[in-house]
């Protein structure tokens, strides 16, 4: 399960750095490096700290949710994906992550919906 969140996190790091305000870009990059080393709790703590200092951003919520998934805290991750989508309903990256997580949390529910 770790390979998928790590890949998604890596893609976020590639595509969203320009969206990050300069005053915390280096902190966010460091958190991404921690995640790349699978130090998920440390990465989560950094992103959460950034969010508390500078305000919630969709990419921060998404990264925090990815970290929570890797830590096995799936319900908390689902809540963060939901919050991110409330802020930016058209964000395809978050939608994709949320859908993937929903398949993990509720596999039977999704099978029934496809019939």
Protein backbone atom coordinates (compact mmCIF):
# COMPACT_ATOMS: atom_id res chain seq x y z
CA UNK A 1 0.00 0.00 0.00
CA UNK A 2 2.97 2.35 0.49
CA UNK A 3 3.99 2.50 -3.18
CA UNK A 4 0.79 4.20 -4.33
CA UNK A 5 0.74 6.98 -1.70
CA UNK A 6 4.44 7.58 -2.29
CA UNK A 7 3.89 7.93 -6.04
CA UNK A 8 0.98 10.32 -5.53
CA UNK A 9 3.00 12.37 -3.09
CA UNK A 10 5.89 12.53 -5.55
CA UNK A 11 3.54 13.75 -8.27
CA UNK A 12 2.17 16.43 -5.93
CA UNK A 13 5.70 17.60 -5.26
CA UNK A 14 6.36 17.89 -9.00
CA UNK A 15 3.14 19.62 -10.00
CA UNK A 16 2.24 21.83 -7.06
CA UNK A 17 5.48 23.51 -5.88
CA UNK A 18 4.72 26.64 -7.90
CA UNK A 19 1.46 26.95 -5.99
CA UNK A 20 3.25 27.01 -2.67
CA UNK A 21 4.03 30.39 -1.13
CA UNK A 22 7.80 30.89 -0.87
CA UNK A 23 7.80 31.40 2.91
CA UNK A 24 7.01 27.74 3.54
CA UNK A 25 8.08 26.03 0.32
CA UNK A 26 11.29 24.72 1.90
CA UNK A 27 9.34 23.31 4.86
CA UNK A 28 6.95 21.55 2.49
CA UNK A 29 9.83 20.21 0.41
CA UNK A 30 11.45 18.84 3.56
CA UNK A 31 8.18 17.14 4.51
CA UNK A 32 8.07 15.58 1.04
CA UNK A 33 11.60 14.26 1.52
CA UNK A 34 10.56 12.73 4.83
CA UNK A 35 7.64 11.03 3.09
CA UNK A 36 9.97 9.73 0.37
CA UNK A 37 11.92 8.06 3.17
CA UNK A 38 8.61 6.62 4.45
CA UNK A 39 8.83 8.72 7.59
CA UNK A 40 5.11 9.30 7.33
CA UNK A 41 4.38 10.56 10.83
CA UNK A 42 7.19 13.11 10.64
CA UNK A 43 6.03 14.25 7.20
CA UNK A 44 2.43 14.53 8.42
CA UNK A 45 3.52 16.54 11.45
CA UNK A 46 5.42 18.99 9.20
CA UNK A 47 2.49 19.46 6.82
CA UNK A 48 0.12 19.92 9.73
CA UNK A 49 2.44 22.53 11.24
CA UNK A 50 2.62 24.39 7.92
CA UNK A 51 -1.16 24.30 7.67
CA UNK A 52 -1.55 25.72 11.18
CA UNK A 53 0.96 28.52 10.53
CA UNK A 54 0.00 29.53 7.02
CA UNK A 55 -3.55 28.31 6.52
CA UNK A 56 -5.07 25.27 4.90
CA UNK A 57 -4.18 24.60 1.30
CA UNK A 58 -5.60 21.82 -0.85
CA UNK A 59 -2.18 20.33 -1.59
CA UNK A 60 -1.36 20.27 2.15
CA UNK A 61 -4.61 18.50 2.99
CA UNK A 62 -3.98 16.03 0.17
CA UNK A 63 -0.42 15.31 1.33
CA UNK A 64 -1.58 14.94 4.92
CA UNK A 65 -4.25 12.49 3.78
CA UNK A 66 -1.68 10.45 1.83
CA UNK A 67 0.49 10.28 4.95
CA UNK A 68 -2.46 9.20 7.08
CA UNK A 69 -3.24 6.46 4.57
CA UNK A 70 0.32 5.19 4.83
CA UNK A 71 -0.04 5.21 8.62
CA UNK A 72 -3.24 3.17 8.38
CA UNK A 73 -5.43 6.03 9.63
CA UNK A 74 -7.90 5.65 6.78
CA UNK A 75 -10.95 7.38 8.23
CA UNK A 76 -8.91 10.47 9.08
CA UNK A 77 -7.46 10.44 5.56
CA UNK A 78 -10.98 10.25 4.12
CA UNK A 79 -11.99 13.30 6.16
CA UNK A 80 -9.05 15.30 4.81
CA UNK A 81 -9.80 14.34 1.21
CA UNK A 82 -13.39 15.46 1.77
CA UNK A 83 -12.24 18.77 3.22
CA UNK A 84 -9.83 19.33 0.33
CA UNK A 85 -12.61 18.69 -2.20
CA UNK A 86 -14.90 21.12 -0.39
CA UNK A 87 -12.21 23.76 -0.92
CA UNK A 88 -11.53 22.81 -4.54
CA UNK A 89 -14.23 20.50 -5.93
CA UNK A 90 -12.59 20.12 -9.34
CA UNK A 91 -9.20 18.94 -8.10
CA UNK A 92 -8.64 15.71 -10.03
CA UNK A 93 -5.66 14.58 -7.93
CA UNK A 94 -7.67 14.72 -4.72
CA UNK A 95 -10.68 13.09 -6.41
CA UNK A 96 -8.47 10.26 -7.63
CA UNK A 97 -6.94 9.76 -4.19
CA UNK A 98 -10.35 9.83 -2.54
CA UNK A 99 -11.74 7.26 -4.98
CA UNK A 100 -8.76 4.95 -4.43
CA UNK A 101 -9.19 5.23 -0.65
CA UNK A 102 -12.94 4.60 -0.90
CA UNK A 103 -12.18 1.36 -2.77
CA UNK A 104 -9.98 0.30 0.15
CA UNK A 105 -12.42 1.32 2.88
CA UNK A 106 -15.66 0.15 1.21
CA UNK A 107 -14.85 -2.44 -1.46
CA UNK A 108 -18.25 -4.14 -1.28
CA UNK A 109 -20.16 -0.87 -1.54
CA UNK A 110 -18.37 0.02 -4.77
CA UNK A 111 -18.94 -3.45 -6.26
CA UNK A 112 -22.67 -3.05 -5.68
CA UNK A 113 -22.69 0.39 -7.30
CA UNK A 114 -21.13 -0.98 -10.48
CA UNK A 115 -23.92 -3.46 -11.16
